[in-house]
Amino acid sequence: MNIQQRQYLANGLREVANLTVGALLLGQFLAEEFDWLWTLVGLGVWIGFYSWGLLLLRAEVD
């Protein structure tokens, strides 16, 4: 992948991470029940996608 492709994919992954945390965490507050498992899953997915995006951006420097 060239630099522009990596930047585009990294930005997309960060957007997916933000949408995921918005859906899973914000949805918990709108639901009638609060489930800690979905909260932890949302945080885990957010950290995973965000980290993957940052690794792609870091790989272009090396």
N, C-alpha and C. Protein backbone atom coordinates (compact mmCIF):
# COMPACT_ATOMS: atom_id res chain seq x y z
N MET A 1 0.83 -1.18 0.00
CA MET A 1 0.00 0.00 0.00
C MET A 1 0.88 1.25 0.00
N ASN A 2 0.41 2.24 -0.71
CA ASN A 2 1.17 3.48 -0.67
C ASN A 2 0.68 4.33 0.52
N ILE A 3 1.30 5.47 0.71
CA ILE A 3 1.03 6.30 1.88
C ILE A 3 -0.41 6.80 1.90
N GLN A 4 -0.92 7.23 0.75
CA GLN A 4 -2.29 7.75 0.70
C GLN A 4 -3.32 6.66 1.03
N GLN A 5 -3.08 5.45 0.55
CA GLN A 5 -3.99 4.35 0.84
C GLN A 5 -3.98 4.02 2.33
N ARG A 6 -2.80 4.03 2.93
CA ARG A 6 -2.70 3.76 4.37
C ARG A 6 -3.43 4.83 5.18
N GLN A 7 -3.26 6.08 4.79
CA GLN A 7 -3.94 7.17 5.50
C GLN A 7 -5.45 7.06 5.36
N TYR A 8 -5.92 6.71 4.17
CA TYR A 8 -7.36 6.56 3.94
C TYR A 8 -7.92 5.42 4.78
N LEU A 9 -7.22 4.28 4.79
CA LEU A 9 -7.67 3.13 5.58
C LEU A 9 -7.61 3.43 7.07
N ALA A 10 -6.56 4.10 7.52
CA ALA A 10 -6.43 4.44 8.94
C ALA A 10 -7.55 5.39 9.37
N ASN A 11 -7.88 6.36 8.55
CA ASN A 11 -8.98 7.27 8.88
C ASN A 11 -10.31 6.52 8.91
N GLY A 12 -10.50 5.61 7.99
CA GLY A 12 -11.72 4.80 7.98
C GLY A 12 -11.84 3.94 9.21
N LEU A 13 -10.74 3.34 9.64
CA LEU A 13 -10.77 2.51 10.84
C LEU A 13 -11.08 3.33 12.08
N ARG A 14 -10.55 4.53 12.15
CA ARG A 14 -10.86 5.38 13.29
C ARG A 14 -12.32 5.81 13.28
N GLU A 15 -12.89 6.03 12.09
CA GLU A 15 -14.31 6.37 12.02
C GLU A 15 -15.18 5.19 12.43
N VAL A 16 -14.80 3.98 12.00
CA VAL A 16 -15.53 2.78 12.41
C VAL A 16 -15.44 2.59 13.91
N ALA A 17 -14.27 2.88 14.48
CA ALA A 17 -14.10 2.77 15.93
C ALA A 17 -15.04 3.73 16.64
N ASN A 18 -15.14 4.95 16.16
CA ASN A 18 -16.02 5.94 16.80
C ASN A 18 -17.49 5.55 16.64
N LEU A 19 -17.88 5.02 15.48
CA LEU A 19 -19.25 4.57 15.30
C LEU A 19 -19.57 3.39 16.21
N THR A 20 -18.61 2.49 16.37
CA THR A 20 -18.81 1.34 17.24
C THR A 20 -18.99 1.75 18.68
N VAL A 21 -18.14 2.63 19.16
CA VAL A 21 -18.28 3.07 20.54
C VAL A 21 -19.57 3.86 20.72
N GLY A 22 -19.95 4.59 19.71
CA GLY A 22 -21.22 5.32 19.79
C GLY A 22 -22.40 4.39 19.86
N ALA A 23 -22.39 3.35 19.05
CA ALA A 23 -23.51 2.41 19.02
C ALA A 23 -23.58 1.56 20.29
N LEU A 24 -22.44 1.03 20.70
CA LEU A 24 -22.46 0.10 21.83
C LEU A 24 -22.51 0.79 23.19
N LEU A 25 -21.85 1.92 23.32
CA LEU A 25 -21.86 2.59 24.62
C LEU A 25 -23.03 3.54 24.78
N LEU A 26 -23.27 4.35 23.77
CA LEU A 26 -24.38 5.29 23.85
C LEU A 26 -25.71 4.54 23.87
N GLY A 27 -25.75 3.43 23.14
CA GLY A 27 -26.95 2.61 23.14
C GLY A 27 -27.27 2.03 24.50
N GLN A 28 -26.26 1.82 25.31
CA GLN A 28 -26.47 1.32 26.66
C GLN A 28 -27.24 2.33 27.51
N PHE A 29 -26.98 3.58 27.30
CA PHE A 29 -27.68 4.61 28.07
C PHE A 29 -29.11 4.81 27.60
N LEU A 30 -29.37 4.49 26.33
CA LEU A 30 -30.71 4.62 25.80
C LEU A 30 -31.56 3.39 26.08
N ALA A 31 -30.93 2.26 26.33
CA ALA A 31 -31.65 1.02 26.59
C ALA A 31 -32.22 1.04 28.00
N GLU A 32 -33.15 0.15 28.23
CA GLU A 32 -33.75 0.06 29.56
C GLU A 32 -32.81 -0.61 30.55
N GLU A 33 -31.93 -1.47 30.06
CA GLU A 33 -30.97 -2.16 30.93
C GLU A 33 -29.56 -1.75 30.55
N PHE A 34 -28.71 -1.67 31.54
CA PHE A 34 -27.30 -1.37 31.30
C PHE A 34 -26.53 -2.66 31.48
N ASP A 35 -25.81 -3.10 30.44
CA ASP A 35 -25.07 -4.35 30.48
C ASP A 35 -23.57 -4.04 30.37
N TRP A 36 -22.83 -4.38 31.41
CA TRP A 36 -21.40 -4.10 31.44
C TRP A 36 -20.63 -4.88 30.39
N LEU A 37 -21.14 -6.05 30.01
CA LEU A 37 -20.45 -6.84 29.00
C LEU A 37 -20.39 -6.08 27.67
N TRP A 38 -21.52 -5.49 27.24
CA TRP A 38 -21.53 -4.73 25.98
C TRP A 38 -20.70 -3.46 26.09
N THR A 39 -20.63 -2.91 27.27
CA THR A 39 -19.78 -1.74 27.48
C THR A 39 -18.31 -2.10 27.28
N LEU A 40 -17.90 -3.22 27.85
CA LEU A 40 -16.51 -3.67 27.70
C LEU A 40 -16.22 -4.10 26.26
N VAL A 41 -17.18 -4.74 25.60
CA VAL A 41 -17.01 -5.11 24.19
C VAL A 41 -16.84 -3.85 23.35
N GLY A 42 -17.66 -2.85 23.59
CA GLY A 42 -17.55 -1.60 22.84
C GLY A 42 -16.21 -0.93 23.03
N LEU A 43 -15.74 -0.88 24.26
CA LEU A 43 -14.43 -0.29 24.52
C LEU A 43 -13.31 -1.09 23.88
N GLY A 44 -13.43 -2.42 23.93
CA GLY A 44 -12.42 -3.28 23.32
C GLY A 44 -12.35 -3.12 21.82
N VAL A 45 -13.50 -3.06 21.17
CA VAL A 45 -13.54 -2.89 19.72
C VAL A 45 -13.00 -1.51 19.36
N TRP A 46 -13.36 -0.49 20.12
CA TRP A 46 -12.87 0.85 19.86
C TRP A 46 -11.34 0.91 19.97
N ILE A 47 -10.81 0.34 21.02
CA ILE A 47 -9.35 0.32 21.21
C ILE A 47 -8.68 -0.45 20.08
N GLY A 48 -9.28 -1.58 19.70
CA GLY A 48 -8.70 -2.40 18.64
C GLY A 48 -8.64 -1.68 17.30
N PHE A 49 -9.77 -1.12 16.86
CA PHE A 49 -9.80 -0.43 15.57
C PHE A 49 -8.94 0.83 15.59
N TYR A 50 -8.98 1.57 16.68
CA TYR A 50 -8.19 2.80 16.76
C TYR A 50 -6.70 2.48 16.74
N SER A 51 -6.31 1.42 17.46
CA SER A 51 -4.91 1.01 17.49
C SER A 51 -4.45 0.55 16.11
N TRP A 52 -5.30 -0.21 15.43
CA TRP A 52 -4.97 -0.69 14.10
C TRP A 52 -4.75 0.49 13.16
N GLY A 53 -5.60 1.48 13.24
CA GLY A 53 -5.44 2.68 12.42
C GLY A 53 -4.14 3.41 12.73
N LEU A 54 -3.82 3.51 14.01
CA LEU A 54 -2.56 4.19 14.38
C LEU A 54 -1.35 3.39 13.92
N LEU A 55 -1.43 2.06 13.97
CA LEU A 55 -0.33 1.24 13.49
C LEU A 55 -0.11 1.40 11.99
N LEU A 56 -1.20 1.54 11.25
CA LEU A 56 -1.06 1.78 9.81
C LEU A 56 -0.38 3.10 9.54
N LEU A 57 -0.72 4.11 10.31
CA LEU A 57 -0.08 5.41 10.13
C LEU A 57 1.38 5.38 10.56
N ARG A 58 1.66 4.61 11.59
CA ARG A 58 3.05 4.52 12.05
C ARG A 58 3.90 3.72 11.09
N ALA A 59 3.31 2.74 10.41
CA ALA A 59 4.05 1.91 9.48
C ALA A 59 4.56 2.71 8.28
N GLU A 60 3.88 3.80 7.94
CA GLU A 60 4.31 4.60 6.79
C GLU A 60 5.59 5.38 7.10
N VAL A 61 5.85 5.62 8.38
CA VAL A 61 7.05 6.37 8.77
C VAL A 61 8.28 5.47 8.67
N ASP A 62 8.11 4.20 9.04
CA ASP A 62 9.24 3.28 9.06
C ASP A 62 9.78 2.94 7.69
